[in-house]
Amino acid sequence: MRAILESYDSELAPTEYSPQLSKRLREAEDVLQKTQNHNAEMEGQLTKAQEETGSLKLQLQTVELELESLKKQQASAADSNSSVTKEEVSILRQKIEDLEAERQRLEEQNNILEMRLERHNLQGDYDPVKTRVLHLKMNPTTVAKQQRQQDVEALREEVTRLRELVRSLQDGGTTVHSQDDSSMHASSLGLSLPPSKEVLDLRKQMESSELRNQRLKEVFQRKIQEFRTVCYVLTGYQIDITTENQYRLTSVYAEHMDDSLLFKKGSNGSMQLMETEFSKTLAEMVALHLHHQKSIPAFLSAVTLDLFSRQTTF
């Protein structure tokens, strides 16, 4: 290219010399220099590849030698294992068949237990480890417990006072300071009051109080279960408390057990939808009913209808 450009320059007169030819010459020289640098780089890469090929050949030879040794060891091991009797082989096969049958039995039992658990969840039961129970602010059970505790404390104080009175009466002659005039009169006459009747009466009162408290607990638990079942049947959602101020809603028509909605209660009492894998699939409903219409009941109804339509065949 340089020779061609020089021939052009020799044919032209000095006045007809074009700067464009010089520019093209410089560009050609730059291209030539880049080509030489690229060739040098390729030669370096080729040398490196040849070195790597040599190392790989050495590794291949080493692996082949190890493979030959392993084949020899395997052949020797096969020769040593040839002494195993057919009876031992049949015993091992029988054990394998027994273990396979046991595995199938356990798998069937596991499937049955999972179906029972899912049925219980649909019926309104809950796992106490993963679910928190919602307690009422004016809980009858709590009030009954407090009343029972107060009654027990009063009865204990009464029993202690009566024991001291009986002890003083049994000692005979000791003066008892009490607010009860009949107790003072009995002490002056030296009479011994039978403590067993009062203690039995106190025990009866305590037992009746405990029985009443137990019945209140049973009634309250039954009412709570009825309330959860009614909410589940009427709304189609099972409501569980995951953490403080967070509520998980699972639809009766959910296709998977993990398809649930998570709401968080704000400081001002408003409910906000938290992002879950299931809520990501409801982007259009969230935009329409929550962002535009600002209605959580409408959103839940739309989700219920959508899930119901998926499971219903017309």
C-alpha atoms as a PDB file:
ATOM      1  CA  MET A   1       0.000   0.000   0.000  1.00  0.00           C
ATOM      2  CA  ARG A   2       2.867   2.343   0.777  1.00  0.00           C
ATOM      3  CA  ALA A   3       4.413   1.574  -2.642  1.00  0.00           C
ATOM      4  CA  ILE A   4       1.134   2.276  -4.403  1.00  0.00           C
ATOM      5  CA  LEU A   5       0.791   5.589  -2.575  1.00  0.00           C
ATOM      6  CA  GLU A   6       4.380   6.522  -3.432  1.00  0.00           C
ATOM      7  CA  SER A   7       3.720   5.757  -7.106  1.00  0.00           C
ATOM      8  CA  TYR A   8       0.707   8.048  -6.944  1.00  0.00           C
ATOM      9  CA  ASP A   9       2.845  10.763  -5.387  1.00  0.00           C
ATOM     10  CA  SER A  10       5.527  10.357  -8.057  1.00  0.00           C
ATOM     11  CA  GLU A  11       3.018  10.740 -10.851  1.00  0.00           C
ATOM     12  CA  LEU A  12       1.504  13.882  -9.376  1.00  0.00           C
ATOM     13  CA  ALA A  13       3.055  17.231  -9.653  1.00  0.00           C
ATOM     14  CA  PRO A  14       4.032  19.015  -6.447  1.00  0.00           C
ATOM     15  CA  THR A  15       1.152  21.363  -6.891  1.00  0.00           C
ATOM     16  CA  GLU A  16      -1.239  18.497  -7.363  1.00  0.00           C
ATOM     17  CA  TYR A  17      -0.221  16.684  -4.136  1.00  0.00           C
ATOM     18  CA  SER A  18      -3.288  15.797  -2.061  1.00  0.00           C
ATOM     19  CA  PRO A  19      -3.233  15.755   1.766  1.00  0.00           C
ATOM     20  CA  GLN A  20      -5.846  13.007   1.604  1.00  0.00           C
ATOM     21  CA  LEU A  21      -3.222  10.533   0.421  1.00  0.00           C
ATOM     22  CA  SER A  22      -1.082  11.263   3.454  1.00  0.00           C
ATOM     23  CA  LYS A  23      -4.062  10.717   5.722  1.00  0.00           C
ATOM     24  CA  ARG A  24      -4.777   7.402   4.047  1.00  0.00           C
ATOM     25  CA  LEU A  25      -1.134   6.450   4.464  1.00  0.00           C
ATOM     26  CA  ARG A  26      -1.279   7.137   8.207  1.00  0.00           C
ATOM     27  CA  GLU A  27      -4.475   5.134   8.516  1.00  0.00           C
ATOM     28  CA  ALA A  28      -2.895   2.223   6.662  1.00  0.00           C
ATOM     29  CA  GLU A  29       0.130   2.344   8.959  1.00  0.00           C
ATOM     30  CA  ASP A  30      -2.144   2.301  12.031  1.00  0.00           C
ATOM     31  CA  VAL A  31      -4.023  -0.723  10.660  1.00  0.00           C
ATOM     32  CA  LEU A  32      -0.700  -2.466   9.978  1.00  0.00           C
ATOM     33  CA  GLN A  33       0.511  -1.785  13.512  1.00  0.00           C
ATOM     34  CA  LYS A  34      -2.723  -3.113  15.025  1.00  0.00           C
ATOM     35  CA  THR A  35      -2.474  -6.217  12.825  1.00  0.00           C
ATOM     36  CA  GLN A  36       1.061  -6.859  14.020  1.00  0.00           C
ATOM     37  CA  ASN A  37       0.019  -6.439  17.665  1.00  0.00           C
ATOM     38  CA  HIS A  38      -2.909  -8.814  17.143  1.00  0.00           C
ATOM     39  CA  ASN A  39      -0.602 -11.393  15.520  1.00  0.00           C
ATOM     40  CA  ALA A  40       1.770 -11.135  18.479  1.00  0.00           C
ATOM     41  CA  GLU A  41      -1.093 -11.602  20.898  1.00  0.00           C
ATOM     42  CA  MET A  42      -2.374 -14.622  18.955  1.00  0.00           C
ATOM     43  CA  GLU A  43       1.122 -16.141  18.977  1.00  0.00           C
ATOM     44  CA  GLY A  44       1.245 -15.709  22.769  1.00  0.00           C
ATOM     45  CA  GLN A  45      -2.136 -17.365  23.136  1.00  0.00           C
ATOM     46  CA  LEU A  46      -1.027 -20.182  20.840  1.00  0.00           C
ATOM     47  CA  THR A  47       2.077 -20.774  22.965  1.00  0.00           C
ATOM     48  CA  LYS A  48      -0.021 -20.774  26.122  1.00  0.00           C
ATOM     49  CA  ALA A  49      -2.507 -23.198  24.537  1.00  0.00           C
ATOM     50  CA  GLN A  50       0.338 -25.511  23.548  1.00  0.00           C
ATOM     51  CA  GLU A  51       1.641 -25.467  27.118  1.00  0.00           C
ATOM     52  CA  GLU A  52      -1.832 -26.215  28.480  1.00  0.00           C
ATOM     53  CA  THR A  53      -2.192 -29.031  25.946  1.00  0.00           C
ATOM     54  CA  GLY A  54       1.047 -30.555  27.165  1.00  0.00           C
ATOM     55  CA  SER A  55      -0.086 -30.374  30.786  1.00  0.00           C
ATOM     56  CA  LEU A  56      -3.444 -31.903  29.838  1.00  0.00           C
ATOM     57  CA  LYS A  57      -1.666 -34.735  28.048  1.00  0.00           C
ATOM     58  CA  LEU A  58       0.334 -35.421  31.208  1.00  0.00           C
ATOM     59  CA  GLN A  59      -2.845 -35.397  33.287  1.00  0.00           C
ATOM     60  CA  LEU A  60      -4.496 -37.721  30.760  1.00  0.00           C
ATOM     61  CA  GLN A  61      -1.625 -40.146  31.004  1.00  0.00           C
ATOM     62  CA  THR A  62      -1.815 -40.014  34.811  1.00  0.00           C
ATOM     63  CA  VAL A  63      -5.564 -40.665  34.711  1.00  0.00           C
ATOM     64  CA  GLU A  64      -5.072 -43.564  32.313  1.00  0.00           C
ATOM     65  CA  LEU A  65      -2.518 -45.089  34.663  1.00  0.00           C
ATOM     66  CA  GLU A  66      -4.883 -44.665  37.622  1.00  0.00           C
ATOM     67  CA  LEU A  67      -7.721 -46.184  35.561  1.00  0.00           C
ATOM     68  CA  GLU A  68      -5.557 -49.198  34.754  1.00  0.00           C
ATOM     69  CA  SER A  69      -4.732 -49.634  38.429  1.00  0.00           C
ATOM     70  CA  LEU A  70      -8.402 -49.318  39.367  1.00  0.00           C
ATOM     71  CA  LYS A  71      -9.327 -51.920  36.768  1.00  0.00           C
ATOM     72  CA  LYS A  72      -6.756 -54.253  38.213  1.00  0.00           C
ATOM     73  CA  GLN A  73      -8.060 -53.640  41.737  1.00  0.00           C
ATOM     74  CA  GLN A  74     -11.624 -54.192  40.543  1.00  0.00           C
ATOM     75  CA  ALA A  75     -10.635 -57.438  38.887  1.00  0.00           C
ATOM     76  CA  SER A  76      -8.915 -58.608  42.062  1.00  0.00           C
ATOM     77  CA  ALA A  77     -11.939 -57.535  44.131  1.00  0.00           C
ATOM     78  CA  ALA A  78     -14.259 -59.401  41.782  1.00  0.00           C
ATOM     79  CA  ASP A  79     -12.102 -62.488  42.210  1.00  0.00           C
ATOM     80  CA  SER A  80     -12.289 -62.149  46.001  1.00  0.00           C
ATOM     81  CA  ASN A  81     -16.052 -61.532  45.949  1.00  0.00           C
ATOM     82  CA  SER A  82     -16.666 -64.601  43.837  1.00  0.00           C
ATOM     83  CA  SER A  83     -16.517 -66.593  47.060  1.00  0.00           C
ATOM     84  CA  VAL A  84     -19.859 -65.111  48.238  1.00  0.00           C
ATOM     85  CA  THR A  85     -22.503 -67.792  48.281  1.00  0.00           C
ATOM     86  CA  LYS A  86     -25.867 -67.622  46.568  1.00  0.00           C
ATOM     87  CA  GLU A  87     -27.558 -67.859  49.934  1.00  0.00           C
ATOM     88  CA  GLU A  88     -26.069 -64.566  51.099  1.00  0.00           C
ATOM     89  CA  VAL A  89     -27.145 -62.922  47.849  1.00  0.00           C
ATOM     90  CA  SER A  90     -30.719 -64.156  48.326  1.00  0.00           C
ATOM     91  CA  ILE A  91     -30.725 -62.903  51.932  1.00  0.00           C
ATOM     92  CA  LEU A  92     -29.580 -59.458  50.811  1.00  0.00           C
ATOM     93  CA  ARG A  93     -32.221 -59.363  48.082  1.00  0.00           C
ATOM     94  CA  GLN A  94     -34.886 -60.323  50.609  1.00  0.00           C
ATOM     95  CA  LYS A  95     -33.758 -57.513  52.907  1.00  0.00           C
ATOM     96  CA  ILE A  96     -33.914 -55.050  50.015  1.00  0.00           C
ATOM     97  CA  GLU A  97     -37.452 -56.174  49.150  1.00  0.00           C
ATOM     98  CA  ASP A  98     -38.520 -55.846  52.804  1.00  0.00           C
ATOM     99  CA  LEU A  99     -37.068 -52.360  53.016  1.00  0.00           C
ATOM    100  CA  GLU A 100     -38.802 -51.355  49.777  1.00  0.00           C
ATOM    101  CA  ALA A 101     -42.130 -52.679  51.093  1.00  0.00           C
ATOM    102  CA  GLU A 102     -41.603 -50.787  54.370  1.00  0.00           C
ATOM    103  CA  ARG A 103     -40.797 -47.606  52.429  1.00  0.00           C
ATOM    104  CA  GLN A 104     -43.997 -47.935  50.373  1.00  0.00           C
ATOM    105  CA  ARG A 105     -46.030 -48.540  53.532  1.00  0.00           C
ATOM    106  CA  LEU A 106     -44.549 -45.458  55.221  1.00  0.00           C
ATOM    107  CA  GLU A 107     -45.132 -43.385  52.089  1.00  0.00           C
ATOM    108  CA  GLU A 108     -48.800 -44.420  51.971  1.00  0.00           C
ATOM    109  CA  GLN A 109     -49.163 -43.668  55.673  1.00  0.00           C
ATOM    110  CA  ASN A 110     -47.572 -40.250  55.147  1.00  0.00           C
ATOM    111  CA  ASN A 111     -49.992 -39.485  52.296  1.00  0.00           C
ATOM    112  CA  ILE A 112     -52.944 -40.491  54.482  1.00  0.00           C
ATOM    113  CA  LEU A 113     -51.724 -38.248  57.322  1.00  0.00           C
ATOM    114  CA  GLU A 114     -51.247 -35.307  54.939  1.00  0.00           C
ATOM    115  CA  MET A 115     -54.801 -35.773  53.607  1.00  0.00           C
ATOM    116  CA  ARG A 116     -56.159 -35.881  57.158  1.00  0.00           C
ATOM    117  CA  LEU A 117     -54.221 -32.743  58.072  1.00  0.00           C
ATOM    118  CA  GLU A 118     -55.541 -30.914  55.014  1.00  0.00           C
ATOM    119  CA  ARG A 119     -59.104 -32.038  55.848  1.00  0.00           C
ATOM    120  CA  HIS A 120     -58.722 -30.783  59.408  1.00  0.00           C
ATOM    121  CA  ASN A 121     -57.433 -27.446  58.131  1.00  0.00           C
ATOM    122  CA  LEU A 122     -60.459 -27.130  55.859  1.00  0.00           C
ATOM    123  CA  GLN A 123     -62.748 -27.912  58.777  1.00  0.00           C
ATOM    124  CA  GLY A 124     -61.354 -25.007  60.811  1.00  0.00           C
ATOM    125  CA  ASP A 125     -58.665 -26.678  62.914  1.00  0.00           C
ATOM    126  CA  TYR A 126     -55.309 -24.978  63.286  1.00  0.00           C
ATOM    127  CA  ASP A 127     -51.748 -25.744  64.317  1.00  0.00           C
ATOM    128  CA  PRO A 128     -51.074 -24.123  67.722  1.00  0.00           C
ATOM    129  CA  VAL A 129     -47.369 -23.885  66.882  1.00  0.00           C
ATOM    130  CA  LYS A 130     -47.881 -21.822  63.722  1.00  0.00           C
ATOM    131  CA  THR A 131     -51.147 -20.062  64.585  1.00  0.00           C
ATOM    132  CA  ARG A 132     -51.969 -17.561  67.284  1.00  0.00           C
ATOM    133  CA  VAL A 133     -55.418 -17.524  68.854  1.00  0.00           C
ATOM    134  CA  LEU A 134     -57.232 -14.186  68.878  1.00  0.00           C
ATOM    135  CA  HIS A 135     -58.385 -13.360  72.416  1.00  0.00           C
ATOM    136  CA  LEU A 136     -61.217 -10.979  73.238  1.00  0.00           C
ATOM    137  CA  LYS A 137     -60.496  -7.890  75.257  1.00  0.00           C
ATOM    138  CA  MET A 138     -63.217  -8.756  77.804  1.00  0.00           C
ATOM    139  CA  ASN A 139     -62.432 -12.464  77.911  1.00  0.00           C
ATOM    140  CA  PRO A 140     -64.925 -14.384  80.121  1.00  0.00           C
ATOM    141  CA  THR A 141     -62.269 -16.990  80.871  1.00  0.00           C
ATOM    142  CA  THR A 142     -59.810 -14.341  82.063  1.00  0.00           C
ATOM    143  CA  VAL A 143     -62.483 -12.730  84.232  1.00  0.00           C
ATOM    144  CA  ALA A 144     -63.394 -16.135  85.667  1.00  0.00           C
ATOM    145  CA  LYS A 145     -59.734 -16.882  86.373  1.00  0.00           C
ATOM    146  CA  GLN A 146     -59.301 -13.579  88.196  1.00  0.00           C
ATOM    147  CA  GLN A 147     -62.478 -14.172  90.193  1.00  0.00           C
ATOM    148  CA  ARG A 148     -61.347 -17.690  91.029  1.00  0.00           C
ATOM    149  CA  GLN A 149     -57.924 -16.415  92.122  1.00  0.00           C
ATOM    150  CA  GLN A 150     -59.558 -13.872  94.404  1.00  0.00           C
ATOM    151  CA  ASP A 151     -61.851 -16.541  95.843  1.00  0.00           C
ATOM    152  CA  VAL A 152     -58.907 -18.869  96.437  1.00  0.00           C
ATOM    153  CA  GLU A 153     -56.929 -16.138  98.199  1.00  0.00           C
ATOM    154  CA  ALA A 154     -59.908 -15.274 100.397  1.00  0.00           C
ATOM    155  CA  LEU A 155     -60.465 -18.937 101.227  1.00  0.00           C
ATOM    156  CA  ARG A 156     -56.797 -19.392 102.076  1.00  0.00           C
ATOM    157  CA  GLU A 157     -56.881 -16.433 104.437  1.00  0.00           C
ATOM    158  CA  GLU A 158     -60.048 -17.819 106.033  1.00  0.00           C
ATOM    159  CA  VAL A 159     -58.468 -21.264 106.467  1.00  0.00           C
ATOM    160  CA  THR A 160     -55.361 -19.717 108.029  1.00  0.00           C
ATOM    161  CA  ARG A 161     -57.453 -17.696 110.450  1.00  0.00           C
ATOM    162  CA  LEU A 162     -59.534 -20.733 111.385  1.00  0.00           C
ATOM    163  CA  ARG A 163     -56.413 -22.835 111.931  1.00  0.00           C
ATOM    164  CA  GLU A 164     -55.001 -20.237 114.281  1.00  0.00           C
ATOM    165  CA  LEU A 165     -58.327 -20.123 116.111  1.00  0.00           C
ATOM    166  CA  VAL A 166     -58.460 -23.918 116.465  1.00  0.00           C
ATOM    167  CA  ARG A 167     -54.842 -24.033 117.622  1.00  0.00           C
ATOM    168  CA  SER A 168     -55.513 -21.440 120.285  1.00  0.00           C
ATOM    169  CA  LEU A 169     -58.680 -23.269 121.406  1.00  0.00           C
ATOM    170  CA  GLN A 170     -56.815 -26.570 121.647  1.00  0.00           C
ATOM    171  CA  ASP A 171     -54.114 -24.965 123.789  1.00  0.00           C
ATOM    172  CA  GLY A 172     -56.871 -23.956 126.235  1.00  0.00           C
ATOM    173  CA  GLY A 173     -56.620 -20.728 128.166  1.00  0.00           C
ATOM    174  CA  THR A 174     -55.055 -18.572 125.500  1.00  0.00           C
ATOM    175  CA  THR A 175     -56.887 -15.408 124.579  1.00  0.00           C
ATOM    176  CA  VAL A 176     -57.970 -15.144 120.948  1.00  0.00           C
ATOM    177  CA  HIS A 177     -58.379 -11.716 119.444  1.00  0.00           C
ATOM    178  CA  SER A 178     -60.983 -11.968 116.700  1.00  0.00           C
ATOM    179  CA  GLN A 179     -63.699  -9.879 115.180  1.00  0.00           C
ATOM    180  CA  ASP A 180     -66.244 -12.696 115.624  1.00  0.00           C
ATOM    181  CA  ASP A 181     -68.170 -12.494 118.993  1.00  0.00           C
ATOM    182  CA  SER A 182     -69.217 -16.141 118.805  1.00  0.00           C
ATOM    183  CA  SER A 183     -65.562 -17.176 118.609  1.00  0.00           C
ATOM    184  CA  MET A 184     -64.803 -15.144 121.773  1.00  0.00           C
ATOM    185  CA  HIS A 185     -67.709 -16.797 123.608  1.00  0.00           C
ATOM    186  CA  ALA A 186     -66.601 -20.308 122.575  1.00  0.00           C
ATOM    187  CA  SER A 187     -63.045 -19.561 123.737  1.00  0.00           C
ATOM    188  CA  SER A 188     -64.268 -18.406 127.168  1.00  0.00           C
ATOM    189  CA  LEU A 189     -66.240 -21.653 127.646  1.00  0.00           C
ATOM    190  CA  GLY A 190     -63.228 -23.804 126.633  1.00  0.00           C
ATOM    191  CA  LEU A 191     -65.055 -25.517 123.773  1.00  0.00           C
ATOM    192  CA  SER A 192     -63.166 -27.155 120.880  1.00  0.00           C
ATOM    193  CA  LEU A 193     -64.683 -26.345 117.499  1.00  0.00           C
ATOM    194  CA  PRO A 194     -64.425 -29.083 114.881  1.00  0.00           C
ATOM    195  CA  PRO A 195     -62.315 -27.680 112.040  1.00  0.00           C
ATOM    196  CA  SER A 196     -63.005 -30.524 109.644  1.00  0.00           C
ATOM    197  CA  LYS A 197     -66.477 -29.358 108.670  1.00  0.00           C
ATOM    198  CA  GLU A 198     -65.352 -25.847 107.751  1.00  0.00           C
ATOM    199  CA  VAL A 199     -62.362 -27.176 105.863  1.00  0.00           C
ATOM    200  CA  LEU A 200     -64.624 -29.571 103.962  1.00  0.00           C
ATOM    201  CA  ASP A 201     -66.998 -26.723 103.156  1.00  0.00           C
ATOM    202  CA  LEU A 202     -64.089 -24.637 101.901  1.00  0.00           C
ATOM    203  CA  ARG A 203     -62.851 -27.525  99.804  1.00  0.00           C
ATOM    204  CA  LYS A 204     -66.302 -28.015  98.345  1.00  0.00           C
ATOM    205  CA  GLN A 205     -66.472 -24.338  97.490  1.00  0.00           C
ATOM    206  CA  MET A 206     -63.051 -24.504  95.825  1.00  0.00           C
ATOM    207  CA  GLU A 207     -64.010 -27.613  93.852  1.00  0.00           C
ATOM    208  CA  SER A 208     -67.270 -26.046  92.698  1.00  0.00           C
ATOM    209  CA  SER A 209     -65.375 -22.910  91.715  1.00  0.00           C
ATOM    210  CA  GLU A 210     -62.832 -24.956  89.741  1.00  0.00           C
ATOM    211  CA  LEU A 211     -65.606 -26.953  88.089  1.00  0.00           C
ATOM    212  CA  ARG A 212     -67.409 -23.746  87.134  1.00  0.00           C
ATOM    213  CA  ASN A 213     -64.171 -22.325  85.753  1.00  0.00           C
ATOM    214  CA  GLN A 214     -63.526 -25.491  83.749  1.00  0.00           C
ATOM    215  CA  ARG A 215     -67.014 -25.362  82.279  1.00  0.00           C
ATOM    216  CA  LEU A 216     -66.479 -21.720  81.339  1.00  0.00           C
ATOM    217  CA  LYS A 217     -63.259 -22.684  79.598  1.00  0.00           C
ATOM    218  CA  GLU A 218     -64.973 -25.443  77.654  1.00  0.00           C
ATOM    219  CA  VAL A 219     -67.858 -23.185  76.660  1.00  0.00           C
ATOM    220  CA  PHE A 220     -65.491 -20.413  75.608  1.00  0.00           C
ATOM    221  CA  GLN A 221     -63.297 -22.756  73.558  1.00  0.00           C
ATOM    222  CA  ARG A 222     -66.366 -24.211  71.884  1.00  0.00           C
ATOM    223  CA  LYS A 223     -67.659 -20.732  71.082  1.00  0.00           C
ATOM    224  CA  ILE A 224     -64.277 -19.725  69.651  1.00  0.00           C
ATOM    225  CA  GLN A 225     -64.213 -22.813  67.457  1.00  0.00           C
ATOM    226  CA  GLU A 226     -67.784 -22.144  66.330  1.00  0.00           C
ATOM    227  CA  PHE A 227     -66.876 -18.533  65.550  1.00  0.00           C
ATOM    228  CA  ARG A 228     -63.834 -19.587  63.485  1.00  0.00           C
ATOM    229  CA  THR A 229     -65.900 -22.194  61.636  1.00  0.00           C
ATOM    230  CA  VAL A 230     -68.688 -19.703  60.892  1.00  0.00           C
ATOM    231  CA  CYS A 231     -66.179 -17.118  59.603  1.00  0.00           C
ATOM    232  CA  TYR A 232     -64.560 -19.770  57.442  1.00  0.00           C
ATOM    233  CA  VAL A 233     -67.879 -20.951  56.021  1.00  0.00           C
ATOM    234  CA  LEU A 234     -69.411 -17.481  55.477  1.00  0.00           C
ATOM    235  CA  THR A 235     -66.376 -15.578  54.158  1.00  0.00           C
ATOM    236  CA  GLY A 236     -64.450 -18.474  52.621  1.00  0.00           C
ATOM    237  CA  TYR A 237     -61.231 -17.381  54.341  1.00  0.00           C
ATOM    238  CA  GLN A 238     -59.356 -18.905  57.256  1.00  0.00           C
ATOM    239  CA  ILE A 239     -57.839 -16.049  59.279  1.00  0.00           C
ATOM    240  CA  ASP A 240     -54.659 -16.751  61.268  1.00  0.00           C
ATOM    241  CA  ILE A 241     -52.369 -14.433  63.215  1.00  0.00           C
ATOM    242  CA  THR A 242     -48.751 -14.963  62.142  1.00  0.00           C
ATOM    243  CA  THR A 243     -47.033 -12.233  64.172  1.00  0.00           C
ATOM    244  CA  GLU A 244     -48.181  -9.141  66.009  1.00  0.00           C
ATOM    245  CA  ASN A 245     -50.528  -7.034  63.846  1.00  0.00           C
ATOM    246  CA  GLN A 246     -50.145  -9.434  60.882  1.00  0.00           C
ATOM    247  CA  TYR A 247     -52.980 -11.627  59.623  1.00  0.00           C
ATOM    248  CA  ARG A 248     -52.809 -14.440  57.067  1.00  0.00           C
ATOM    249  CA  LEU A 249     -55.920 -15.196  54.950  1.00  0.00           C
ATOM    250  CA  THR A 250     -56.200 -18.575  53.225  1.00  0.00           C
ATOM    251  CA  SER A 251     -59.082 -19.130  50.817  1.00  0.00           C
ATOM    252  CA  VAL A 252     -61.150 -22.313  50.851  1.00  0.00           C
ATOM    253  CA  TYR A 253     -60.673 -22.465  47.061  1.00  0.00           C
ATOM    254  CA  ALA A 254     -56.886 -22.042  47.151  1.00  0.00           C
ATOM    255  CA  GLU A 255     -55.131 -24.305  44.682  1.00  0.00           C
ATOM    256  CA  HIS A 256     -52.065 -24.728  46.909  1.00  0.00           C
ATOM    257  CA  MET A 257     -51.544 -24.699  50.665  1.00  0.00           C
ATOM    258  CA  ASP A 258     -49.082 -21.758  50.376  1.00  0.00           C
ATOM    259  CA  ASP A 259     -51.539 -19.576  48.386  1.00  0.00           C
ATOM    260  CA  SER A 260     -52.414 -17.009  51.029  1.00  0.00           C
ATOM    261  CA  LEU A 261     -52.739 -13.244  51.518  1.00  0.00           C
ATOM    262  CA  LEU A 262     -50.871 -11.389  54.259  1.00  0.00           C
ATOM    263  CA  PHE A 263     -52.272  -8.156  55.738  1.00  0.00           C
ATOM    264  CA  LYS A 264     -50.546  -5.876  58.243  1.00  0.00           C
ATOM    265  CA  LYS A 265     -52.389  -3.517  60.579  1.00  0.00           C
ATOM    266  CA  GLY A 266     -50.953  -0.011  60.702  1.00  0.00           C
ATOM    267  CA  SER A 267     -50.744   2.333  63.662  1.00  0.00           C
ATOM    268  CA  ASN A 268     -53.867   4.196  62.481  1.00  0.00           C
ATOM    269  CA  GLY A 269     -55.892   0.984  62.191  1.00  0.00           C
ATOM    270  CA  SER A 270     -55.652   0.660  58.400  1.00  0.00           C
ATOM    271  CA  MET A 271     -54.836  -2.689  56.768  1.00  0.00           C
ATOM    272  CA  GLN A 272     -52.097  -3.010  54.171  1.00  0.00           C
ATOM    273  CA  LEU A 273     -51.526  -5.958  51.817  1.00  0.00           C
ATOM    274  CA  MET A 274     -48.032  -7.448  52.167  1.00  0.00           C
ATOM    275  CA  GLU A 275     -46.287  -8.942  49.161  1.00  0.00           C
ATOM    276  CA  THR A 276     -46.357 -12.751  48.887  1.00  0.00           C
ATOM    277  CA  GLU A 277     -45.804 -15.203  46.050  1.00  0.00           C
ATOM    278  CA  PHE A 278     -49.580 -15.520  45.673  1.00  0.00           C
ATOM    279  CA  SER A 279     -50.262 -11.761  45.752  1.00  0.00           C
ATOM    280  CA  LYS A 280     -47.774 -11.239  42.903  1.00  0.00           C
ATOM    281  CA  THR A 281     -50.165 -13.159  40.630  1.00  0.00           C
ATOM    282  CA  LEU A 282     -53.038 -10.776  41.458  1.00  0.00           C
ATOM    283  CA  ALA A 283     -51.500  -7.547  40.193  1.00  0.00           C
ATOM    284  CA  GLU A 284     -54.583  -6.492  38.207  1.00  0.00           C
ATOM    285  CA  MET A 285     -56.981  -7.062  41.119  1.00  0.00           C
ATOM    286  CA  VAL A 286     -54.652  -5.232  43.515  1.00  0.00           C
ATOM    287  CA  ALA A 287     -54.432  -2.243  41.183  1.00  0.00           C
ATOM    288  CA  LEU A 288     -58.204  -2.123  40.607  1.00  0.00           C
ATOM    289  CA  HIS A 289     -59.720  -2.888  44.021  1.00  0.00           C
ATOM    290  CA  LEU A 290     -57.013  -1.723  46.444  1.00  0.00           C
ATOM    291  CA  HIS A 291     -55.259   1.162  44.697  1.00  0.00           C
ATOM    292  CA  HIS A 292     -58.162   2.517  42.638  1.00  0.00           C
ATOM    293  CA  GLN A 293     -61.314   1.528  44.560  1.00  0.00           C
ATOM    294  CA  LYS A 294     -59.584   1.240  47.973  1.00  0.00           C
ATOM    295  CA  SER A 295     -61.842  -1.623  49.059  1.00  0.00           C
ATOM    296  CA  ILE A 296     -60.400  -4.699  50.762  1.00  0.00           C
ATOM    297  CA  PRO A 297     -63.774  -6.577  50.834  1.00  0.00           C
ATOM    298  CA  ALA A 298     -64.157  -6.086  47.084  1.00  0.00           C
ATOM    299  CA  PHE A 299     -60.612  -7.362  46.566  1.00  0.00           C
ATOM    300  CA  LEU A 300     -61.232 -10.472  48.693  1.00  0.00           C
ATOM    301  CA  SER A 301     -64.510 -11.137  46.886  1.00  0.00           C
ATOM    302  CA  ALA A 302     -62.801 -10.841  43.516  1.00  0.00           C
ATOM    303  CA  VAL A 303     -60.082 -13.283  44.598  1.00  0.00           C
ATOM    304  CA  THR A 304     -62.718 -15.732  45.848  1.00  0.00           C
ATOM    305  CA  LEU A 305     -64.651 -15.575  42.575  1.00  0.00           C
ATOM    306  CA  ASP A 306     -61.465 -16.017  40.549  1.00  0.00           C
ATOM    307  CA  LEU A 307     -60.357 -19.076  42.541  1.00  0.00           C
ATOM    308  CA  PHE A 308     -63.887 -20.501  42.448  1.00  0.00           C
ATOM    309  CA  SER A 309     -64.062 -20.098  38.669  1.00  0.00           C
ATOM    310  CA  ARG A 310     -60.784 -22.010  38.320  1.00  0.00           C
ATOM    311  CA  GLN A 311     -62.131 -25.001  40.233  1.00  0.00           C
ATOM    312  CA  THR A 312     -65.625 -25.013  38.686  1.00  0.00           C
ATOM    313  CA  THR A 313     -66.308 -26.714  35.363  1.00  0.00           C
ATOM    314  CA  PHE A 314     -69.434 -25.649  33.511  1.00  0.00           C
END
